[in-house]
Amino acid sequence: MSRKQNPTPETTADTAADAGTATGPAGPRPRRLTYAAVLSALEGLALLAGGVWMLVLGVTRDGGDRQQAVTGGITVLVLALLPLLAARGLLLRRGWSRGPAVITQIMALPVAYSLLQADSVALWAGVVLAVVAVAGLVLLVNPATTQALGIKGPGRARETERQ
């Protein structure tokens, strides 16, 4: 018999992936996972905008800080890839994507704290960033999100090996 006549779980998953459906091993994608992906994508887009801004200022500015501004802008642009890739992975329900998304949220907390120390418009940016980072962490460690990504908790890998 061919694989099409006698489908296995692997061929069924391949067929679902080819069809482009949003359902995975446990049904439709939970809203919490979608919200976490959206927050991660927004952070990535904000980093992208900040990197472009730094790069433009570095190129158009006269003085000795040009090289430092350009290097900083390129660094921020490269860092923007982390939450953007994580957001894509979360939307596609890839288990690996939770790690980079959590790291992004954890890295955002000290940045938010430093912005909260400012006496300007940056104060509000710090508040927004802190709320987004905490909300993202809560969404990412939620059991429904963990289950949808196929991540097993500590000690659960041995249980599945026994079965």
N, C-alpha and C. Protein backbone atom coordinates (compact mmCIF):
# COMPACT_ATOMS: atom_id res chain seq x y z
N MET A 1 0.83 -1.19 0.00
CA MET A 1 0.00 0.00 0.00
C MET A 1 0.87 1.25 0.00
N SER A 2 0.41 2.25 -0.65
CA SER A 2 1.15 3.51 -0.65
C SER A 2 0.78 4.34 0.57
N ARG A 3 1.54 5.41 0.82
CA ARG A 3 1.29 6.27 1.96
C ARG A 3 -0.05 6.99 1.83
N LYS A 4 -0.48 7.25 0.61
CA LYS A 4 -1.75 7.94 0.41
C LYS A 4 -2.93 7.03 0.75
N GLN A 5 -2.78 5.72 0.50
CA GLN A 5 -3.86 4.80 0.80
C GLN A 5 -3.94 4.49 2.28
N ASN A 6 -2.80 4.46 2.94
CA ASN A 6 -2.74 4.16 4.36
C ASN A 6 -2.03 5.32 5.07
N PRO A 7 -2.75 6.44 5.36
CA PRO A 7 -2.08 7.62 5.90
C PRO A 7 -1.55 7.38 7.30
N THR A 8 -0.38 7.91 7.55
CA THR A 8 0.22 7.89 8.88
C THR A 8 0.11 9.29 9.45
N PRO A 9 0.37 9.47 10.75
CA PRO A 9 0.29 10.82 11.32
C PRO A 9 1.22 11.81 10.61
N GLU A 10 2.39 11.31 10.14
CA GLU A 10 3.33 12.20 9.47
C GLU A 10 2.76 12.69 8.13
N THR A 11 2.16 11.77 7.36
CA THR A 11 1.63 12.17 6.06
C THR A 11 0.40 13.05 6.23
N THR A 12 -0.38 12.82 7.28
CA THR A 12 -1.53 13.68 7.54
C THR A 12 -1.07 15.08 7.88
N ALA A 13 -0.01 15.20 8.71
CA ALA A 13 0.52 16.51 9.06
C ALA A 13 1.11 17.20 7.84
N ASP A 14 1.79 16.44 6.97
CA ASP A 14 2.33 17.03 5.75
C ASP A 14 1.22 17.56 4.86
N THR A 15 0.14 16.81 4.75
CA THR A 15 -0.98 17.24 3.92
C THR A 15 -1.61 18.50 4.49
N ALA A 16 -1.76 18.57 5.81
CA ALA A 16 -2.34 19.77 6.43
C ALA A 16 -1.42 20.96 6.24
N ALA A 17 -0.10 20.75 6.33
CA ALA A 17 0.84 21.85 6.13
C ALA A 17 0.80 22.32 4.68
N ASP A 18 0.68 21.38 3.73
CA ASP A 18 0.61 21.76 2.33
C ASP A 18 -0.66 22.53 2.02
N ALA A 19 -1.74 22.22 2.72
CA ALA A 19 -3.01 22.90 2.48
C ALA A 19 -3.01 24.30 3.05
N GLY A 20 -2.04 24.61 3.93
CA GLY A 20 -1.94 25.95 4.50
C GLY A 20 -2.96 26.21 5.59
N THR A 21 -3.41 25.18 6.26
CA THR A 21 -4.39 25.36 7.31
C THR A 21 -3.72 25.86 8.57
N ALA A 22 -4.49 26.52 9.42
CA ALA A 22 -3.97 27.05 10.68
C ALA A 22 -4.12 26.03 11.80
N THR A 23 -4.62 24.86 11.50
CA THR A 23 -4.78 23.86 12.53
C THR A 23 -3.53 23.02 12.62
N GLY A 24 -3.19 22.66 13.83
CA GLY A 24 -2.00 21.86 14.05
C GLY A 24 -2.37 20.57 14.73
N PRO A 25 -1.47 20.03 15.53
CA PRO A 25 -1.71 18.75 16.15
C PRO A 25 -2.89 18.76 17.12
N ALA A 26 -3.20 19.89 17.71
CA ALA A 26 -4.27 19.92 18.71
C ALA A 26 -5.42 20.82 18.28
N GLY A 27 -5.65 20.97 17.00
CA GLY A 27 -6.77 21.78 16.53
C GLY A 27 -6.36 23.18 16.15
N PRO A 28 -7.30 24.12 16.21
CA PRO A 28 -7.01 25.49 15.78
C PRO A 28 -6.03 26.19 16.73
N ARG A 29 -5.36 27.21 16.21
CA ARG A 29 -4.38 27.96 16.99
C ARG A 29 -5.10 28.76 18.07
N PRO A 30 -4.66 28.65 19.33
CA PRO A 30 -5.29 29.43 20.41
C PRO A 30 -5.08 30.93 20.19
N ARG A 31 -6.06 31.71 20.63
CA ARG A 31 -5.95 33.16 20.48
C ARG A 31 -4.75 33.71 21.23
N ARG A 32 -4.43 33.11 22.37
CA ARG A 32 -3.28 33.59 23.15
C ARG A 32 -2.00 33.49 22.33
N LEU A 33 -1.88 32.44 21.56
CA LEU A 33 -0.70 32.26 20.72
C LEU A 33 -0.67 33.32 19.62
N THR A 34 -1.82 33.61 19.04
CA THR A 34 -1.90 34.65 18.01
C THR A 34 -1.57 36.01 18.60
N TYR A 35 -2.09 36.31 19.79
CA TYR A 35 -1.79 37.59 20.44
C TYR A 35 -0.31 37.71 20.76
N ALA A 36 0.31 36.62 21.23
CA ALA A 36 1.74 36.64 21.52
C ALA A 36 2.54 36.90 20.24
N ALA A 37 2.12 36.29 19.15
CA ALA A 37 2.80 36.50 17.86
C ALA A 37 2.65 37.95 17.41
N VAL A 38 1.47 38.52 17.59
CA VAL A 38 1.25 39.92 17.20
C VAL A 38 2.12 40.86 18.03
N LEU A 39 2.18 40.63 19.35
CA LEU A 39 3.02 41.48 20.20
C LEU A 39 4.49 41.36 19.81
N SER A 40 4.93 40.16 19.53
CA SER A 40 6.31 39.96 19.12
C SER A 40 6.59 40.66 17.79
N ALA A 41 5.65 40.56 16.87
CA ALA A 41 5.82 41.23 15.57
C ALA A 41 5.84 42.75 15.73
N LEU A 42 5.00 43.28 16.61
CA LEU A 42 5.00 44.73 16.85
C LEU A 42 6.34 45.19 17.43
N GLU A 43 6.89 44.41 18.34
CA GLU A 43 8.20 44.75 18.89
C GLU A 43 9.27 44.71 17.81
N GLY A 44 9.19 43.70 16.96
CA GLY A 44 10.15 43.61 15.86
C GLY A 44 10.04 44.78 14.91
N LEU A 45 8.81 45.18 14.60
CA LEU A 45 8.61 46.33 13.71
C LEU A 45 9.09 47.63 14.36
N ALA A 46 8.89 47.75 15.67
CA ALA A 46 9.38 48.94 16.38
C ALA A 46 10.91 48.98 16.35
N LEU A 47 11.54 47.83 16.55
CA LEU A 47 13.00 47.77 16.46
C LEU A 47 13.48 48.09 15.05
N LEU A 48 12.76 47.59 14.06
CA LEU A 48 13.10 47.87 12.68
C LEU A 48 13.03 49.37 12.40
N ALA A 49 11.96 50.01 12.84
CA ALA A 49 11.81 51.45 12.65
C ALA A 49 12.91 52.22 13.38
N GLY A 50 13.22 51.78 14.61
CA GLY A 50 14.29 52.43 15.37
C GLY A 50 15.65 52.28 14.71
N GLY A 51 15.91 51.10 14.17
CA GLY A 51 17.18 50.87 13.48
C GLY A 51 17.31 51.71 12.23
N VAL A 52 16.23 51.81 11.47
CA VAL A 52 16.25 52.66 10.26
C VAL A 52 16.46 54.12 10.66
N TRP A 53 15.77 54.55 11.71
CA TRP A 53 15.91 55.93 12.18
C TRP A 53 17.36 56.22 12.59
N MET A 54 17.96 55.31 13.35
CA MET A 54 19.35 55.49 13.76
C MET A 54 20.28 55.52 12.56
N LEU A 55 20.02 54.66 11.60
CA LEU A 55 20.85 54.59 10.40
C LEU A 55 20.73 55.88 9.59
N VAL A 56 19.53 56.37 9.42
CA VAL A 56 19.33 57.61 8.66
C VAL A 56 19.99 58.79 9.36
N LEU A 57 19.82 58.87 10.67
CA LEU A 57 20.47 59.95 11.42
C LEU A 57 21.98 59.85 11.34
N GLY A 58 22.49 58.63 11.39
CA GLY A 58 23.94 58.44 11.31
C GLY A 58 24.51 58.82 9.97
N VAL A 59 23.78 58.53 8.90
CA VAL A 59 24.27 58.83 7.56
C VAL A 59 24.16 60.33 7.27
N THR A 60 23.09 60.97 7.72
CA THR A 60 22.87 62.38 7.39
C THR A 60 23.58 63.33 8.34
N ARG A 61 24.03 62.86 9.47
CA ARG A 61 24.66 63.72 10.47
C ARG A 61 26.13 63.93 10.15
N ASP A 62 26.60 65.15 10.39
CA ASP A 62 28.02 65.45 10.25
C ASP A 62 28.68 65.28 11.61
N GLY A 63 29.92 64.83 11.60
CA GLY A 63 30.65 64.71 12.85
C GLY A 63 31.25 63.34 13.03
N GLY A 64 31.89 63.16 14.18
CA GLY A 64 32.61 61.93 14.47
C GLY A 64 31.73 60.79 14.93
N ASP A 65 30.47 61.04 15.24
CA ASP A 65 29.60 59.98 15.72
C ASP A 65 28.94 59.20 14.60
N ARG A 66 29.27 59.51 13.37
CA ARG A 66 28.62 58.87 12.22
C ARG A 66 28.84 57.35 12.25
N GLN A 67 30.07 56.92 12.43
CA GLN A 67 30.37 55.50 12.41
C GLN A 67 29.65 54.78 13.55
N GLN A 68 29.61 55.38 14.73
CA GLN A 68 28.93 54.77 15.86
C GLN A 68 27.42 54.69 15.62
N ALA A 69 26.83 55.73 15.04
CA ALA A 69 25.40 55.73 14.76
C ALA A 69 25.04 54.69 13.70
N VAL A 70 25.87 54.57 12.67
CA VAL A 70 25.61 53.59 11.62
C VAL A 70 25.74 52.18 12.19
N THR A 71 26.77 51.94 12.98
CA THR A 71 26.95 50.63 13.60
C THR A 71 25.78 50.31 14.53
N GLY A 72 25.35 51.28 15.31
CA GLY A 72 24.19 51.07 16.19
C GLY A 72 22.92 50.79 15.41
N GLY A 73 22.71 51.52 14.31
CA GLY A 73 21.52 51.29 13.49
C GLY A 73 21.51 49.91 12.88
N ILE A 74 22.65 49.47 12.36
CA ILE A 74 22.73 48.13 11.77
C ILE A 74 22.52 47.07 12.85
N THR A 75 23.07 47.28 14.03
CA THR A 75 22.88 46.34 15.12
C THR A 75 21.41 46.21 15.50
N VAL A 76 20.72 47.32 15.60
CA VAL A 76 19.30 47.29 15.95
C VAL A 76 18.49 46.61 14.83
N LEU A 77 18.86 46.86 13.58
CA LEU A 77 18.17 46.20 12.48
C LEU A 77 18.33 44.68 12.54
N VAL A 78 19.53 44.23 12.87
CA VAL A 78 19.77 42.79 12.98
C VAL A 78 19.00 42.23 14.19
N LEU A 79 18.97 42.99 15.30
CA LEU A 79 18.23 42.53 16.48
C LEU A 79 16.73 42.46 16.21
N ALA A 80 16.24 43.25 15.27
CA ALA A 80 14.81 43.23 14.94
C ALA A 80 14.41 41.90 14.32
N LEU A 81 15.36 41.17 13.77
CA LEU A 81 15.04 39.88 13.16
C LEU A 81 14.58 38.85 14.19
N LEU A 82 15.10 38.94 15.42
CA LEU A 82 14.76 37.96 16.45
C LEU A 82 13.25 37.94 16.75
N PRO A 83 12.63 39.06 17.12
CA PRO A 83 11.19 38.98 17.38
C PRO A 83 10.36 38.76 16.11
N LEU A 84 10.84 39.22 14.97
CA LEU A 84 10.08 38.99 13.73
C LEU A 84 10.06 37.52 13.35
N LEU A 85 11.20 36.86 13.46
CA LEU A 85 11.26 35.41 13.19
C LEU A 85 10.46 34.63 14.24
N ALA A 86 10.54 35.09 15.48
CA ALA A 86 9.77 34.42 16.53
C ALA A 86 8.27 34.56 16.27
N ALA A 87 7.84 35.73 15.84
CA ALA A 87 6.42 35.94 15.55
C ALA A 87 5.96 35.02 14.43
N ARG A 88 6.77 34.89 13.41
CA ARG A 88 6.41 33.99 12.30
C ARG A 88 6.33 32.55 12.78
N GLY A 89 7.30 32.16 13.60
CA GLY A 89 7.29 30.81 14.14
C GLY A 89 6.09 30.55 15.04
N LEU A 90 5.71 31.54 15.83
CA LEU A 90 4.53 31.38 16.69
C LEU A 90 3.27 31.22 15.86
N LEU A 91 3.15 32.01 14.81
CA LEU A 91 1.97 31.89 13.94
C LEU A 91 1.91 30.52 13.26
N LEU A 92 3.08 29.98 12.93
CA LEU A 92 3.14 28.67 12.28
C LEU A 92 3.18 27.52 13.29
N ARG A 93 3.11 27.86 14.58
CA ARG A 93 3.09 26.88 15.68
C ARG A 93 4.36 26.04 15.72
N ARG A 94 5.49 26.69 15.63
CA ARG A 94 6.79 26.03 15.74
C ARG A 94 7.26 26.10 17.19
N GLY A 95 7.62 25.00 17.77
CA GLY A 95 8.03 24.95 19.17
C GLY A 95 9.27 25.78 19.47
N TRP A 96 10.19 25.88 18.52
CA TRP A 96 11.42 26.63 18.73
C TRP A 96 11.16 28.13 18.91
N SER A 97 10.04 28.62 18.44
CA SER A 97 9.81 30.07 18.40
C SER A 97 9.53 30.68 19.77
N ARG A 98 9.13 29.87 20.74
CA ARG A 98 8.83 30.44 22.05
C ARG A 98 10.09 30.97 22.72
N GLY A 99 11.21 30.28 22.56
CA GLY A 99 12.46 30.73 23.19
C GLY A 99 12.87 32.13 22.77
N PRO A 100 13.01 32.39 21.46
CA PRO A 100 13.37 33.75 21.04
C PRO A 100 12.33 34.79 21.44
N ALA A 101 11.06 34.41 21.46
CA ALA A 101 10.02 35.36 21.86
C ALA A 101 10.15 35.71 23.34
N VAL A 102 10.41 34.71 24.18
CA VAL A 102 10.59 34.96 25.62
C VAL A 102 11.84 35.80 25.85
N ILE A 103 12.91 35.49 25.14
CA ILE A 103 14.15 36.27 25.29
C ILE A 103 13.91 37.73 24.92
N THR A 104 13.15 37.96 23.86
CA THR A 104 12.84 39.32 23.45
C THR A 104 12.09 40.06 24.55
N GLN A 105 11.11 39.39 25.17
CA GLN A 105 10.33 40.04 26.23
C GLN A 105 11.21 40.35 27.44
N ILE A 106 12.08 39.41 27.79
CA ILE A 106 12.96 39.62 28.94
C ILE A 106 13.94 40.76 28.67
N MET A 107 14.45 40.84 27.43
CA MET A 107 15.36 41.93 27.08
C MET A 107 14.64 43.28 27.06
N ALA A 108 13.34 43.28 26.81
CA ALA A 108 12.58 44.53 26.76
C ALA A 108 12.36 45.12 28.15
N LEU A 109 12.36 44.29 29.18
CA LEU A 109 12.08 44.80 30.52
C LEU A 109 13.13 45.80 31.03
N PRO A 110 14.45 45.53 30.92
CA PRO A 110 15.41 46.54 31.35
C PRO A 110 15.36 47.82 30.50
N VAL A 111 15.05 47.66 29.22
CA VAL A 111 14.92 48.83 28.35
C VAL A 111 13.73 49.67 28.82
N ALA A 112 12.63 49.01 29.14
CA ALA A 112 11.46 49.72 29.65
C ALA A 112 11.77 50.42 30.96
N TYR A 113 12.52 49.76 31.83
CA TYR A 113 12.90 50.36 33.11
C TYR A 113 13.73 51.63 32.90
N SER A 114 14.68 51.57 31.97
CA SER A 114 15.51 52.75 31.73
C SER A 114 14.68 53.88 31.12
N LEU A 115 13.72 53.54 30.28
CA LEU A 115 12.83 54.57 29.73
C LEU A 115 11.93 55.17 30.81
N LEU A 116 11.57 54.37 31.81
CA LEU A 116 10.74 54.87 32.90
C LEU A 116 11.48 55.87 33.78
N GLN A 117 12.80 55.86 33.72
CA GLN A 117 13.60 56.79 34.51
C GLN A 117 13.69 58.17 33.86
N ALA A 118 13.23 58.29 32.62
CA ALA A 118 13.33 59.55 31.88
C ALA A 118 12.23 60.51 32.33
N ASP A 119 12.47 61.80 32.08
CA ASP A 119 11.50 62.84 32.41
C ASP A 119 10.91 63.45 31.14
N SER A 120 10.68 62.63 30.15
CA SER A 120 10.20 63.16 28.87
C SER A 120 9.15 62.21 28.31
N VAL A 121 8.94 62.32 27.00
CA VAL A 121 7.99 61.45 26.31
C VAL A 121 8.43 59.99 26.41
N ALA A 122 9.72 59.77 26.63
CA ALA A 122 10.23 58.40 26.76
C ALA A 122 9.59 57.67 27.93
N LEU A 123 9.10 58.42 28.91
CA LEU A 123 8.42 57.81 30.05
C LEU A 123 7.22 56.98 29.58
N TRP A 124 6.43 57.54 28.70
CA TRP A 124 5.26 56.82 28.18
C TRP A 124 5.67 55.64 27.31
N ALA A 125 6.75 55.80 26.58
CA ALA A 125 7.25 54.67 25.79
C ALA A 125 7.68 53.53 26.71
N GLY A 126 8.25 53.88 27.86
CA GLY A 126 8.63 52.87 28.84
C GLY A 126 7.43 52.14 29.42
N VAL A 127 6.37 52.89 29.67
CA VAL A 127 5.14 52.27 30.20
C VAL A 127 4.58 51.29 29.17
N VAL A 128 4.49 51.73 27.92
CA VAL A 128 3.95 50.87 26.86
C VAL A 128 4.81 49.63 26.68
N LEU A 129 6.12 49.83 26.65
CA LEU A 129 7.03 48.69 26.46
C LEU A 129 6.93 47.71 27.61
N ALA A 130 6.84 48.22 28.84
CA ALA A 130 6.72 47.33 30.01
C ALA A 130 5.43 46.52 29.95
N VAL A 131 4.33 47.17 29.59
CA VAL A 131 3.04 46.47 29.51
C VAL A 131 3.10 45.41 28.42
N VAL A 132 3.65 45.75 27.27
CA VAL A 132 3.74 44.79 26.16
C VAL A 132 4.63 43.61 26.54
N ALA A 133 5.76 43.88 27.19
CA ALA A 133 6.69 42.81 27.57
C ALA A 133 6.07 41.86 28.59
N VAL A 134 5.41 42.41 29.60
CA VAL A 134 4.79 41.56 30.62
C VAL A 134 3.63 40.77 30.01
N ALA A 135 2.81 41.44 29.19
CA ALA A 135 1.70 40.73 28.53
C ALA A 135 2.24 39.62 27.63
N GLY A 136 3.31 39.90 26.90
CA GLY A 136 3.91 38.89 26.04
C GLY A 136 4.41 37.69 26.83
N LEU A 137 5.06 37.94 27.96
CA LEU A 137 5.54 36.84 28.79
C LEU A 137 4.39 36.00 29.33
N VAL A 138 3.33 36.67 29.78
CA VAL A 138 2.17 35.94 30.30
C VAL A 138 1.56 35.07 29.20
N LEU A 139 1.44 35.62 28.01
CA LEU A 139 0.86 34.85 26.91
C LEU A 139 1.76 33.68 26.50
N LEU A 140 3.06 33.88 26.55
CA LEU A 140 3.99 32.84 26.10
C LEU A 140 4.13 31.68 27.07
N VAL A 141 3.96 31.92 28.37
CA VAL A 141 4.10 30.84 29.33
C VAL A 141 2.75 30.21 29.67
N ASN A 142 1.70 30.67 29.06
CA ASN A 142 0.38 30.13 29.27
C ASN A 142 0.34 28.66 28.84
N PRO A 143 -0.32 27.79 29.63
CA PRO A 143 -0.37 26.37 29.27
C PRO A 143 -0.98 26.10 27.90
N ALA A 144 -1.96 26.89 27.50
CA ALA A 144 -2.57 26.67 26.18
C ALA A 144 -1.56 26.95 25.07
N THR A 145 -0.74 27.97 25.25
CA THR A 145 0.29 28.29 24.28
C THR A 145 1.33 27.19 24.22
N THR A 146 1.76 26.75 25.39
CA THR A 146 2.76 25.69 25.47
C THR A 146 2.26 24.42 24.79
N GLN A 147 1.01 24.07 25.05
CA GLN A 147 0.45 22.87 24.45
C GLN A 147 0.31 23.02 22.93
N ALA A 148 -0.11 24.20 22.49
CA ALA A 148 -0.30 24.42 21.04
C ALA A 148 1.03 24.35 20.30
N LEU A 149 2.12 24.72 20.97
CA LEU A 149 3.43 24.66 20.34
C LEU A 149 4.07 23.28 20.45
N GLY A 150 3.42 22.39 21.19
CA GLY A 150 3.94 21.03 21.33
C GLY A 150 5.11 20.95 22.28
N ILE A 151 5.20 21.90 23.20
CA ILE A 151 6.30 21.91 24.17
C ILE A 151 5.86 21.12 25.39
N LYS A 152 6.68 20.19 25.78
CA LYS A 152 6.38 19.37 26.94
C LYS A 152 7.05 20.00 28.15
N GLY A 153 6.41 19.91 29.28
CA GLY A 153 6.96 20.47 30.51
C GLY A 153 8.11 19.65 31.03
N PRO A 154 8.74 20.12 32.11
CA PRO A 154 9.85 19.38 32.70
C PRO A 154 9.41 17.99 33.15
N GLY A 155 10.17 16.99 32.79
CA GLY A 155 9.87 15.62 33.18
C GLY A 155 8.86 14.93 32.28
N ARG A 156 8.27 15.65 31.35
CA ARG A 156 7.24 15.07 30.49
C ARG A 156 7.84 14.29 29.33
N ALA A 157 9.07 14.56 28.98
CA ALA A 157 9.70 13.84 27.87
C ALA A 157 9.85 12.36 28.21
N ARG A 158 10.16 12.07 29.46
CA ARG A 158 10.31 10.67 29.89
C ARG A 158 8.98 9.95 29.87
N GLU A 159 7.90 10.66 30.23
CA GLU A 159 6.58 10.04 30.23
C GLU A 159 6.18 9.58 28.84
N THR A 160 6.48 10.40 27.82
CA THR A 160 6.12 10.02 26.45
C THR A 160 6.99 8.89 25.94
N GLU A 161 8.24 8.79 26.42
CA GLU A 161 9.11 7.68 26.01
C GLU A 161 8.59 6.35 26.53
N ARG A 162 8.00 6.36 27.73
CA ARG A 162 7.48 5.13 28.33
C ARG A 162 6.25 4.63 27.59
N GLN A 163 5.49 5.51 27.01
CA GLN A 163 4.23 5.12 26.36
C GLN A 163 4.52 4.57 25.04
